[in-house]
Amino acid sequence: MSEPVSYLFRYDEEQILKDIREYVSATYRSHYTATEPGNYKDIQTIDLMAVKDLASAFCQANILKYGSRYGSKDGKNKKDLMKVIHYAMLLLHFDDHYKTPTTEPYNR
């Protein structure tokens, strides 16, 4: 993946992309992932939703949740918008906009 050409951006997009990359990366190191050894070490709620074919609806609901509370709960909370973007990215994945074939049942 090539780096964005900053002169094409006008509205802080380069910094926003950097911030969202850092935010999403941090979610995989957060308290929502298990650290103890075992069969379910790397399972997140979204993984369980995907198994039950609920991931798309879950993502859409969270986009609405965090989008509608922006400006209300904790003011104009940047983290709410980061969550909206992250759930939109996940929705792109779960609705097969970036489908890549795999032979493994779980590919990370």
PDB file of N, CA and C in Angstrom:
ATOM      1  N   MET A   1       0.843  -1.170   0.000  1.00  0.00           N
ATOM      2  CA  MET A   1       0.000   0.000   0.000  1.00  0.00           C
ATOM      3  C   MET A   1       0.891   1.236   0.000  1.00  0.00           C
ATOM      4  N   SER A   2       0.670   2.087  -0.953  1.00  0.00           N
ATOM      5  CA  SER A   2       1.500   3.277  -1.038  1.00  0.00           C
ATOM      6  C   SER A   2       1.010   4.340  -0.061  1.00  0.00           C
ATOM      7  N   GLU A   3       1.920   5.187   0.341  1.00  0.00           N
ATOM      8  CA  GLU A   3       1.593   6.273   1.273  1.00  0.00           C
ATOM      9  C   GLU A   3       0.787   7.339   0.549  1.00  0.00           C
ATOM     10  N   PRO A   4      -0.134   7.988   1.233  1.00  0.00           N
ATOM     11  CA  PRO A   4      -0.920   9.047   0.596  1.00  0.00           C
ATOM     12  C   PRO A   4      -0.040  10.222   0.199  1.00  0.00           C
ATOM     13  N   VAL A   5      -0.429  10.886  -0.851  1.00  0.00           N
ATOM     14  CA  VAL A   5       0.282  12.067  -1.315  1.00  0.00           C
ATOM     15  C   VAL A   5      -0.376  13.264  -0.642  1.00  0.00           C
ATOM     16  N   SER A   6       0.322  13.859   0.318  1.00  0.00           N
ATOM     17  CA  SER A   6      -0.274  14.877   1.170  1.00  0.00           C
ATOM     18  C   SER A   6      -0.762  16.106   0.410  1.00  0.00           C
ATOM     19  N   TYR A   7      -0.150  16.440  -0.703  1.00  0.00           N
ATOM     20  CA  TYR A   7      -0.597  17.634  -1.411  1.00  0.00           C
ATOM     21  C   TYR A   7      -1.992  17.465  -2.024  1.00  0.00           C
ATOM     22  N   LEU A   8      -2.500  16.231  -2.095  1.00  0.00           N
ATOM     23  CA  LEU A   8      -3.848  16.001  -2.608  1.00  0.00           C
ATOM     24  C   LEU A   8      -4.912  16.238  -1.542  1.00  0.00           C
ATOM     25  N   PHE A   9      -4.512  16.299  -0.295  1.00  0.00           N
ATOM     26  CA  PHE A   9      -5.447  16.463   0.806  1.00  0.00           C
ATOM     27  C   PHE A   9      -5.619  17.939   1.159  1.00  0.00           C
ATOM     28  N   ARG A  10      -6.840  18.311   1.576  1.00  0.00           N
ATOM     29  CA  ARG A  10      -7.105  19.702   1.945  1.00  0.00           C
ATOM     30  C   ARG A  10      -7.609  19.838   3.372  1.00  0.00           C
ATOM     31  N   TYR A  11      -8.136  18.782   3.954  1.00  0.00           N
ATOM     32  CA  TYR A  11      -8.856  18.912   5.220  1.00  0.00           C
ATOM     33  C   TYR A  11      -8.293  17.988   6.311  1.00  0.00           C
ATOM     34  N   ASP A  12      -7.017  17.986   6.484  1.00  0.00           N
ATOM     35  CA  ASP A  12      -6.341  17.190   7.525  1.00  0.00           C
ATOM     36  C   ASP A  12      -6.483  15.680   7.332  1.00  0.00           C
ATOM     37  N   GLU A  13      -6.829  15.243   6.120  1.00  0.00           N
ATOM     38  CA  GLU A  13      -7.036  13.817   5.893  1.00  0.00           C
ATOM     39  C   GLU A  13      -5.808  12.976   6.234  1.00  0.00           C
ATOM     40  N   GLU A  14      -4.625  13.481   5.922  1.00  0.00           N
ATOM     41  CA  GLU A  14      -3.416  12.704   6.211  1.00  0.00           C
ATOM     42  C   GLU A  14      -3.285  12.456   7.715  1.00  0.00           C
ATOM     43  N   GLN A  15      -3.521  13.464   8.531  1.00  0.00           N
ATOM     44  CA  GLN A  15      -3.449  13.309   9.982  1.00  0.00           C
ATOM     45  C   GLN A  15      -4.588  12.427  10.485  1.00  0.00           C
ATOM     46  N   ILE A  16      -5.769  12.574   9.904  1.00  0.00           N
ATOM     47  CA  ILE A  16      -6.909  11.741  10.307  1.00  0.00           C
ATOM     48  C   ILE A  16      -6.612  10.276  10.018  1.00  0.00           C
ATOM     49  N   LEU A  17      -6.071   9.976   8.847  1.00  0.00           N
ATOM     50  CA  LEU A  17      -5.717   8.595   8.518  1.00  0.00           C
ATOM     51  C   LEU A  17      -4.679   8.045   9.488  1.00  0.00           C
ATOM     52  N   LYS A  18      -3.714   8.865   9.846  1.00  0.00           N
ATOM     53  CA  LYS A  18      -2.704   8.458  10.826  1.00  0.00           C
ATOM     54  C   LYS A  18      -3.366   8.179  12.182  1.00  0.00           C
ATOM     55  N   ASP A  19      -4.239   9.087  12.610  1.00  0.00           N
ATOM     56  CA  ASP A  19      -4.926   8.910  13.897  1.00  0.00           C
ATOM     57  C   ASP A  19      -5.804   7.669  13.912  1.00  0.00           C
ATOM     58  N   ILE A  20      -6.522   7.411  12.832  1.00  0.00           N
ATOM     59  CA  ILE A  20      -7.408   6.238  12.811  1.00  0.00           C
ATOM     60  C   ILE A  20      -6.586   4.958  12.792  1.00  0.00           C
ATOM     61  N   ARG A  21      -5.444   4.976  12.092  1.00  0.00           N
ATOM     62  CA  ARG A  21      -4.573   3.789  12.104  1.00  0.00           C
ATOM     63  C   ARG A  21      -4.095   3.504  13.533  1.00  0.00           C
ATOM     64  N   GLU A  22      -3.669   4.539  14.241  1.00  0.00           N
ATOM     65  CA  GLU A  22      -3.217   4.372  15.624  1.00  0.00           C
ATOM     66  C   GLU A  22      -4.363   3.921  16.526  1.00  0.00           C
ATOM     67  N   TYR A  23      -5.557   4.493  16.341  1.00  0.00           N
ATOM     68  CA  TYR A  23      -6.712   4.113  17.159  1.00  0.00           C
ATOM     69  C   TYR A  23      -7.070   2.644  16.947  1.00  0.00           C
ATOM     70  N   VAL A  24      -7.186   2.231  15.685  1.00  0.00           N
ATOM     71  CA  VAL A  24      -7.566   0.848  15.388  1.00  0.00           C
ATOM     72  C   VAL A  24      -6.512  -0.108  15.925  1.00  0.00           C
ATOM     73  N   SER A  25      -5.242   0.206  15.730  1.00  0.00           N
ATOM     74  CA  SER A  25      -4.170  -0.655  16.253  1.00  0.00           C
ATOM     75  C   SER A  25      -4.277  -0.807  17.761  1.00  0.00           C
ATOM     76  N   ALA A  26      -4.590   0.275  18.442  1.00  0.00           N
ATOM     77  CA  ALA A  26      -4.701   0.236  19.907  1.00  0.00           C
ATOM     78  C   ALA A  26      -5.857  -0.643  20.371  1.00  0.00           C
ATOM     79  N   THR A  27      -6.917  -0.763  19.558  1.00  0.00           N
ATOM     80  CA  THR A  27      -8.053  -1.597  19.982  1.00  0.00           C
ATOM     81  C   THR A  27      -7.661  -3.060  20.084  1.00  0.00           C
ATOM     82  N   TYR A  28      -6.657  -3.466  19.348  1.00  0.00           N
ATOM     83  CA  TYR A  28      -6.213  -4.860  19.402  1.00  0.00           C
ATOM     84  C   TYR A  28      -5.275  -5.120  20.578  1.00  0.00           C
ATOM     85  N   ARG A  29      -4.925  -4.063  21.298  1.00  0.00           N
ATOM     86  CA  ARG A  29      -4.104  -4.213  22.508  1.00  0.00           C
ATOM     87  C   ARG A  29      -4.897  -3.810  23.756  1.00  0.00           C
ATOM     88  N   SER A  30      -6.181  -3.579  23.590  1.00  0.00           N
ATOM     89  CA  SER A  30      -6.987  -3.033  24.683  1.00  0.00           C
ATOM     90  C   SER A  30      -7.481  -4.104  25.646  1.00  0.00           C
ATOM     91  N   HIS A  31      -8.232  -3.652  26.618  1.00  0.00           N
ATOM     92  CA  HIS A  31      -8.784  -4.558  27.625  1.00  0.00           C
ATOM     93  C   HIS A  31      -9.875  -5.454  27.063  1.00  0.00           C
ATOM     94  N   TYR A  32     -10.305  -5.238  25.835  1.00  0.00           N
ATOM     95  CA  TYR A  32     -11.333  -6.080  25.237  1.00  0.00           C
ATOM     96  C   TYR A  32     -10.759  -7.367  24.658  1.00  0.00           C
ATOM     97  N   THR A  33      -9.456  -7.512  24.663  1.00  0.00           N
ATOM     98  CA  THR A  33      -8.842  -8.746  24.196  1.00  0.00           C
ATOM     99  C   THR A  33      -8.216  -9.450  25.388  1.00  0.00           C
ATOM    100  N   ALA A  34      -8.308 -10.763  25.387  1.00  0.00           N
ATOM    101  CA  ALA A  34      -7.799 -11.547  26.508  1.00  0.00           C
ATOM    102  C   ALA A  34      -6.282 -11.622  26.453  1.00  0.00           C
ATOM    103  N   THR A  35      -5.659 -11.679  27.609  1.00  0.00           N
ATOM    104  CA  THR A  35      -4.205 -11.818  27.659  1.00  0.00           C
ATOM    105  C   THR A  35      -3.800 -13.168  28.242  1.00  0.00           C
ATOM    106  N   GLU A  36      -4.719 -13.856  28.895  1.00  0.00           N
ATOM    107  CA  GLU A  36      -4.382 -15.139  29.490  1.00  0.00           C
ATOM    108  C   GLU A  36      -4.383 -16.225  28.419  1.00  0.00           C
ATOM    109  N   PRO A  37      -3.533 -17.234  28.594  1.00  0.00           N
ATOM    110  CA  PRO A  37      -3.471 -18.307  27.606  1.00  0.00           C
ATOM    111  C   PRO A  37      -4.776 -19.113  27.597  1.00  0.00           C
ATOM    112  N   GLY A  38      -5.055 -19.710  26.465  1.00  0.00           N
ATOM    113  CA  GLY A  38      -6.256 -20.534  26.354  1.00  0.00           C
ATOM    114  C   GLY A  38      -6.808 -20.504  24.947  1.00  0.00           C
ATOM    115  N   ASN A  39      -7.866 -21.253  24.751  1.00  0.00           N
ATOM    116  CA  ASN A  39      -8.470 -21.388  23.429  1.00  0.00           C
ATOM    117  C   ASN A  39      -9.082 -20.087  22.904  1.00  0.00           C
ATOM    118  N   TYR A  40      -9.456 -19.188  23.789  1.00  0.00           N
ATOM    119  CA  TYR A  40     -10.181 -17.992  23.380  1.00  0.00           C
ATOM    120  C   TYR A  40      -9.347 -16.724  23.542  1.00  0.00           C
ATOM    121  N   LYS A  41      -8.046 -16.860  23.527  1.00  0.00           N
ATOM    122  CA  LYS A  41      -7.147 -15.742  23.799  1.00  0.00           C
ATOM    123  C   LYS A  41      -7.398 -14.532  22.903  1.00  0.00           C
ATOM    124  N   ASP A  42      -7.564 -14.743  21.615  1.00  0.00           N
ATOM    125  CA  ASP A  42      -7.670 -13.631  20.680  1.00  0.00           C
ATOM    126  C   ASP A  42      -9.088 -13.379  20.177  1.00  0.00           C
ATOM    127  N   ILE A  43     -10.087 -13.957  20.809  1.00  0.00           N
ATOM    128  CA  ILE A  43     -11.473 -13.787  20.376  1.00  0.00           C
ATOM    129  C   ILE A  43     -12.019 -12.478  20.917  1.00  0.00           C
ATOM    130  N   GLN A  44     -12.606 -11.685  20.033  1.00  0.00           N
ATOM    131  CA  GLN A  44     -13.275 -10.453  20.433  1.00  0.00           C
ATOM    132  C   GLN A  44     -14.766 -10.612  20.167  1.00  0.00           C
ATOM    133  N   THR A  45     -15.560  -9.733  20.720  1.00  0.00           N
ATOM    134  CA  THR A  45     -17.009  -9.792  20.546  1.00  0.00           C
ATOM    135  C   THR A  45     -17.391  -9.810  19.079  1.00  0.00           C
ATOM    136  N   ILE A  46     -16.733  -9.015  18.265  1.00  0.00           N
ATOM    137  CA  ILE A  46     -17.052  -8.968  16.838  1.00  0.00           C
ATOM    138  C   ILE A  46     -16.828 -10.321  16.176  1.00  0.00           C
ATOM    139  N   ASP A  47     -15.861 -11.105  16.664  1.00  0.00           N
ATOM    140  CA  ASP A  47     -15.620 -12.446  16.133  1.00  0.00           C
ATOM    141  C   ASP A  47     -16.822 -13.348  16.407  1.00  0.00           C
ATOM    142  N   LEU A  48     -17.361 -13.251  17.612  1.00  0.00           N
ATOM    143  CA  LEU A  48     -18.534 -14.041  17.967  1.00  0.00           C
ATOM    144  C   LEU A  48     -19.741 -13.617  17.137  1.00  0.00           C
ATOM    145  N   MET A  49     -19.877 -12.320  16.928  1.00  0.00           N
ATOM    146  CA  MET A  49     -20.972 -11.812  16.095  1.00  0.00           C
ATOM    147  C   MET A  49     -20.845 -12.341  14.665  1.00  0.00           C
ATOM    148  N   ALA A  50     -19.637 -12.404  14.146  1.00  0.00           N
ATOM    149  CA  ALA A  50     -19.418 -12.884  12.783  1.00  0.00           C
ATOM    150  C   ALA A  50     -19.836 -14.344  12.637  1.00  0.00           C
ATOM    151  N   VAL A  51     -19.523 -15.151  13.638  1.00  0.00           N
ATOM    152  CA  VAL A  51     -19.894 -16.562  13.599  1.00  0.00           C
ATOM    153  C   VAL A  51     -21.409 -16.731  13.513  1.00  0.00           C
ATOM    154  N   LYS A  52     -22.140 -15.840  14.137  1.00  0.00           N
ATOM    155  CA  LYS A  52     -23.608 -15.901  14.143  1.00  0.00           C
ATOM    156  C   LYS A  52     -24.230 -15.040  13.036  1.00  0.00           C
ATOM    157  N   ASP A  53     -23.414 -14.557  12.095  1.00  0.00           N
ATOM    158  CA  ASP A  53     -23.878 -13.685  11.013  1.00  0.00           C
ATOM    159  C   ASP A  53     -24.575 -12.429  11.526  1.00  0.00           C
ATOM    160  N   LEU A  54     -24.057 -11.880  12.616  1.00  0.00           N
ATOM    161  CA  LEU A  54     -24.613 -10.664  13.209  1.00  0.00           C
ATOM    162  C   LEU A  54     -23.652  -9.478  13.102  1.00  0.00           C
ATOM    163  N   ALA A  55     -22.489  -9.692  12.526  1.00  0.00           N
ATOM    164  CA  ALA A  55     -21.452  -8.662  12.540  1.00  0.00           C
ATOM    165  C   ALA A  55     -21.863  -7.391  11.795  1.00  0.00           C
ATOM    166  N   SER A  56     -22.506  -7.535  10.638  1.00  0.00           N
ATOM    167  CA  SER A  56     -22.906  -6.350   9.878  1.00  0.00           C
ATOM    168  C   SER A  56     -23.889  -5.495  10.673  1.00  0.00           C
ATOM    169  N   ALA A  57     -24.905  -6.128  11.214  1.00  0.00           N
ATOM    170  CA  ALA A  57     -25.907  -5.397  12.007  1.00  0.00           C
ATOM    171  C   ALA A  57     -25.265  -4.784  13.249  1.00  0.00           C
ATOM    172  N   PHE A  58     -24.345  -5.510  13.881  1.00  0.00           N
ATOM    173  CA  PHE A  58     -23.630  -5.015  15.053  1.00  0.00           C
ATOM    174  C   PHE A  58     -22.844  -3.744  14.705  1.00  0.00           C
ATOM    175  N   CYS A  59     -22.161  -3.779  13.569  1.00  0.00           N
ATOM    176  CA  CYS A  59     -21.381  -2.615  13.128  1.00  0.00           C
ATOM    177  C   CYS A  59     -22.299  -1.430  12.818  1.00  0.00           C
ATOM    178  N   GLN A  60     -23.386  -1.684  12.101  1.00  0.00           N
ATOM    179  CA  GLN A  60     -24.328  -0.612  11.776  1.00  0.00           C
ATOM    180  C   GLN A  60     -24.910   0.008  13.036  1.00  0.00           C
ATOM    181  N   ALA A  61     -25.276  -0.833  14.002  1.00  0.00           N
ATOM    182  CA  ALA A  61     -25.841  -0.330  15.256  1.00  0.00           C
ATOM    183  C   ALA A  61     -24.820   0.531  15.999  1.00  0.00           C
ATOM    184  N   ASN A  62     -23.569   0.113  16.003  1.00  0.00           N
ATOM    185  CA  ASN A  62     -22.541   0.888  16.697  1.00  0.00           C
ATOM    186  C   ASN A  62     -22.201   2.185  15.969  1.00  0.00           C
ATOM    187  N   ILE A  63     -22.297   2.194  14.644  1.00  0.00           N
ATOM    188  CA  ILE A  63     -22.116   3.441  13.891  1.00  0.00           C
ATOM    189  C   ILE A  63     -23.193   4.430  14.318  1.00  0.00           C
ATOM    190  N   LEU A  64     -24.437   3.961  14.416  1.00  0.00           N
ATOM    191  CA  LEU A  64     -25.538   4.828  14.859  1.00  0.00           C
ATOM    192  C   LEU A  64     -25.339   5.276  16.302  1.00  0.00           C
ATOM    193  N   LYS A  65     -24.946   4.342  17.156  1.00  0.00           N
ATOM    194  CA  LYS A  65     -24.764   4.649  18.587  1.00  0.00           C
ATOM    195  C   LYS A  65     -23.724   5.751  18.775  1.00  0.00           C
ATOM    196  N   TYR A  66     -22.521   5.525  18.251  1.00  0.00           N
ATOM    197  CA  TYR A  66     -21.443   6.481  18.494  1.00  0.00           C
ATOM    198  C   TYR A  66     -21.626   7.758  17.683  1.00  0.00           C
ATOM    199  N   GLY A  67     -22.244   7.653  16.509  1.00  0.00           N
ATOM    200  CA  GLY A  67     -22.516   8.845  15.716  1.00  0.00           C
ATOM    201  C   GLY A  67     -23.560   9.738  16.360  1.00  0.00           C
ATOM    202  N   SER A  68     -24.576   9.114  16.953  1.00  0.00           N
ATOM    203  CA  SER A  68     -25.645   9.921  17.544  1.00  0.00           C
ATOM    204  C   SER A  68     -25.260  10.505  18.895  1.00  0.00           C
ATOM    205  N   ARG A  69     -24.322   9.885  19.581  1.00  0.00           N
ATOM    206  CA  ARG A  69     -23.943  10.448  20.881  1.00  0.00           C
ATOM    207  C   ARG A  69     -22.828  11.488  20.770  1.00  0.00           C
ATOM    208  N   TYR A  70     -22.204  11.579  19.584  1.00  0.00           N
ATOM    209  CA  TYR A  70     -21.176  12.598  19.363  1.00  0.00           C
ATOM    210  C   TYR A  70     -21.790  13.978  19.575  1.00  0.00           C
ATOM    211  N   GLY A  71     -21.166  14.758  20.412  1.00  0.00           N
ATOM    212  CA  GLY A  71     -21.662  16.090  20.716  1.00  0.00           C
ATOM    213  C   GLY A  71     -22.578  16.117  21.926  1.00  0.00           C
ATOM    214  N   SER A  72     -23.073  14.955  22.336  1.00  0.00           N
ATOM    215  CA  SER A  72     -23.970  14.888  23.492  1.00  0.00           C
ATOM    216  C   SER A  72     -23.245  14.356  24.725  1.00  0.00           C
ATOM    217  N   LYS A  73     -22.717  13.151  24.604  1.00  0.00           N
ATOM    218  CA  LYS A  73     -22.000  12.541  25.727  1.00  0.00           C
ATOM    219  C   LYS A  73     -20.539  12.969  25.658  1.00  0.00           C
ATOM    220  N   ASP A  74     -20.068  13.627  26.678  1.00  0.00           N
ATOM    221  CA  ASP A  74     -18.684  14.124  26.741  1.00  0.00           C
ATOM    222  C   ASP A  74     -18.376  15.126  25.632  1.00  0.00           C
ATOM    223  N   GLY A  75     -19.377  15.845  25.178  1.00  0.00           N
ATOM    224  CA  GLY A  75     -19.160  16.888  24.166  1.00  0.00           C
ATOM    225  C   GLY A  75     -18.748  16.312  22.830  1.00  0.00           C
ATOM    226  N   LYS A  76     -17.988  17.066  22.086  1.00  0.00           N
ATOM    227  CA  LYS A  76     -17.509  16.612  20.778  1.00  0.00           C
ATOM    228  C   LYS A  76     -16.296  15.722  20.980  1.00  0.00           C
ATOM    229  N   ASN A  77     -16.580  14.504  21.380  1.00  0.00           N
ATOM    230  CA  ASN A  77     -15.579  13.527  21.755  1.00  0.00           C
ATOM    231  C   ASN A  77     -14.980  12.876  20.508  1.00  0.00           C
ATOM    232  N   LYS A  78     -13.713  13.145  20.245  1.00  0.00           N
ATOM    233  CA  LYS A  78     -13.020  12.600  19.079  1.00  0.00           C
ATOM    234  C   LYS A  78     -13.080  11.075  19.049  1.00  0.00           C
ATOM    235  N   LYS A  79     -13.034  10.453  20.224  1.00  0.00           N
ATOM    236  CA  LYS A  79     -13.033   8.991  20.285  1.00  0.00           C
ATOM    237  C   LYS A  79     -14.330   8.400  19.719  1.00  0.00           C
ATOM    238  N   ASP A  80     -15.465   9.100  19.910  1.00  0.00           N
ATOM    239  CA  ASP A  80     -16.714   8.620  19.319  1.00  0.00           C
ATOM    240  C   ASP A  80     -16.608   8.568  17.800  1.00  0.00           C
ATOM    241  N   LEU A  81     -15.993   9.582  17.204  1.00  0.00           N
ATOM    242  CA  LEU A  81     -15.838   9.589  15.753  1.00  0.00           C
ATOM    243  C   LEU A  81     -14.853   8.518  15.293  1.00  0.00           C
ATOM    244  N   MET A  82     -13.816   8.272  16.082  1.00  0.00           N
ATOM    245  CA  MET A  82     -12.883   7.192  15.747  1.00  0.00           C
ATOM    246  C   MET A  82     -13.617   5.854  15.739  1.00  0.00           C
ATOM    247  N   LYS A  83     -14.522   5.669  16.692  1.00  0.00           N
ATOM    248  CA  LYS A  83     -15.305   4.429  16.746  1.00  0.00           C
ATOM    249  C   LYS A  83     -16.227   4.314  15.541  1.00  0.00           C
ATOM    250  N   VAL A  84     -16.839   5.409  15.126  1.00  0.00           N
ATOM    251  CA  VAL A  84     -17.696   5.395  13.935  1.00  0.00           C
ATOM    252  C   VAL A  84     -16.878   4.945  12.723  1.00  0.00           C
ATOM    253  N   ILE A  85     -15.705   5.530  12.556  1.00  0.00           N
ATOM    254  CA  ILE A  85     -14.852   5.183  11.416  1.00  0.00           C
ATOM    255  C   ILE A  85     -14.422   3.727  11.492  1.00  0.00           C
ATOM    256  N   HIS A  86     -14.036   3.279  12.691  1.00  0.00           N
ATOM    257  CA  HIS A  86     -13.595   1.895  12.847  1.00  0.00           C
ATOM    258  C   HIS A  86     -14.729   0.920  12.536  1.00  0.00           C
ATOM    259  N   TYR A  87     -15.926   1.191  13.058  1.00  0.00           N
ATOM    260  CA  TYR A  87     -17.059   0.300  12.765  1.00  0.00           C
ATOM    261  C   TYR A  87     -17.434   0.347  11.283  1.00  0.00           C
ATOM    262  N   ALA A  88     -17.258   1.488  10.633  1.00  0.00           N
ATOM    263  CA  ALA A  88     -17.514   1.571   9.192  1.00  0.00           C
ATOM    264  C   ALA A  88     -16.493   0.711   8.435  1.00  0.00           C
ATOM    265  N   MET A  89     -15.256   0.720   8.887  1.00  0.00           N
ATOM    266  CA  MET A  89     -14.229  -0.125   8.275  1.00  0.00           C
ATOM    267  C   MET A  89     -14.579  -1.602   8.450  1.00  0.00           C
ATOM    268  N   LEU A  90     -15.010  -1.953   9.652  1.00  0.00           N
ATOM    269  CA  LEU A  90     -15.406  -3.341   9.909  1.00  0.00           C
ATOM    270  C   LEU A  90     -16.607  -3.733   9.056  1.00  0.00           C
ATOM    271  N   LEU A  91     -17.554  -2.818   8.891  1.00  0.00           N
ATOM    272  CA  LEU A  91     -18.721  -3.085   8.062  1.00  0.00           C
ATOM    273  C   LEU A  91     -18.315  -3.318   6.606  1.00  0.00           C
ATOM    274  N   LEU A  92     -17.355  -2.537   6.116  1.00  0.00           N
ATOM    275  CA  LEU A  92     -16.835  -2.786   4.770  1.00  0.00           C
ATOM    276  C   LEU A  92     -16.292  -4.213   4.657  1.00  0.00           C
ATOM    277  N   HIS A  93     -15.630  -4.671   5.696  1.00  0.00           N
ATOM    278  CA  HIS A  93     -15.092  -6.037   5.707  1.00  0.00           C
ATOM    279  C   HIS A  93     -16.215  -7.072   5.755  1.00  0.00           C
ATOM    280  N   PHE A  94     -17.100  -6.941   6.737  1.00  0.00           N
ATOM    281  CA  PHE A  94     -18.124  -7.969   6.940  1.00  0.00           C
ATOM    282  C   PHE A  94     -19.178  -8.000   5.836  1.00  0.00           C
ATOM    283  N   ASP A  95     -19.332  -6.919   5.087  1.00  0.00           N
ATOM    284  CA  ASP A  95     -20.241  -6.931   3.938  1.00  0.00           C
ATOM    285  C   ASP A  95     -19.503  -7.256   2.639  1.00  0.00           C
ATOM    286  N   ASP A  96     -18.300  -7.816   2.789  1.00  0.00           N
ATOM    287  CA  ASP A  96     -17.525  -8.373   1.680  1.00  0.00           C
ATOM    288  C   ASP A  96     -17.088  -7.366   0.618  1.00  0.00           C
ATOM    289  N   HIS A  97     -16.888  -6.126   1.005  1.00  0.00           N
ATOM    290  CA  HIS A  97     -16.363  -5.162   0.046  1.00  0.00           C
ATOM    291  C   HIS A  97     -14.881  -5.411  -0.239  1.00  0.00           C
ATOM    292  N   TYR A  98     -14.231  -6.143   0.648  1.00  0.00           N
ATOM    293  CA  TYR A  98     -12.810  -6.456   0.479  1.00  0.00           C
ATOM    294  C   TYR A  98     -12.589  -7.946   0.645  1.00  0.00           C
ATOM    295  N   LYS A  99     -13.424  -8.733   0.057  1.00  0.00           N
ATOM    296  CA  LYS A  99     -13.381 -10.186   0.215  1.00  0.00           C
ATOM    297  C   LYS A  99     -12.094 -10.743  -0.366  1.00  0.00           C
ATOM    298  N   THR A 100     -11.378 -11.483   0.455  1.00  0.00           N
ATOM    299  CA  THR A 100     -10.199 -12.201  -0.006  1.00  0.00           C
ATOM    300  C   THR A 100     -10.402 -13.668   0.321  1.00  0.00           C
ATOM    301  N   PRO A 101     -10.208 -14.539  -0.653  1.00  0.00           N
ATOM    302  CA  PRO A 101     -10.407 -15.969  -0.395  1.00  0.00           C
ATOM    303  C   PRO A 101      -9.388 -16.500   0.598  1.00  0.00           C
ATOM    304  N   THR A 102      -9.830 -17.394   1.430  1.00  0.00           N
ATOM    305  CA  THR A 102      -8.934 -18.023   2.396  1.00  0.00           C
ATOM    306  C   THR A 102      -9.342 -19.472   2.571  1.00  0.00           C
ATOM    307  N   THR A 103      -8.387 -20.288   2.911  1.00  0.00           N
ATOM    308  CA  THR A 103      -8.687 -21.692   3.184  1.00  0.00           C
ATOM    309  C   THR A 103      -8.708 -21.942   4.690  1.00  0.00           C
ATOM    310  N   GLU A 104      -8.318 -20.942   5.449  1.00  0.00           N
ATOM    311  CA  GLU A 104      -8.311 -21.054   6.901  1.00  0.00           C
ATOM    312  C   GLU A 104      -9.636 -20.560   7.465  1.00  0.00           C
ATOM    313  N   PRO A 105     -10.143 -21.215   8.544  1.00  0.00           N
ATOM    314  CA  PRO A 105     -11.417 -20.780   9.125  1.00  0.00           C
ATOM    315  C   PRO A 105     -11.323 -19.417   9.797  1.00  0.00           C
ATOM    316  N   TYR A 106     -10.151 -19.071  10.284  1.00  0.00           N
ATOM    317  CA  TYR A 106      -9.965 -17.782  10.980  1.00  0.00           C
ATOM    318  C   TYR A 106      -8.630 -17.235  10.564  1.00  0.00           C
ATOM    319  N   ASN A 107      -8.643 -16.144   9.858  1.00  0.00           N
ATOM    320  CA  ASN A 107      -7.391 -15.590   9.329  1.00  0.00           C
ATOM    321  C   ASN A 107      -7.188 -14.193   9.875  1.00  0.00           C
ATOM    322  N   ARG A 108      -6.119 -13.968  10.582  1.00  0.00           N
ATOM    323  CA  ARG A 108      -5.848 -12.648  11.153  1.00  0.00           C
ATOM    324  C   ARG A 108      -4.642 -12.028  10.535  1.00  0.00           C
TER     325      ARG A 108
END
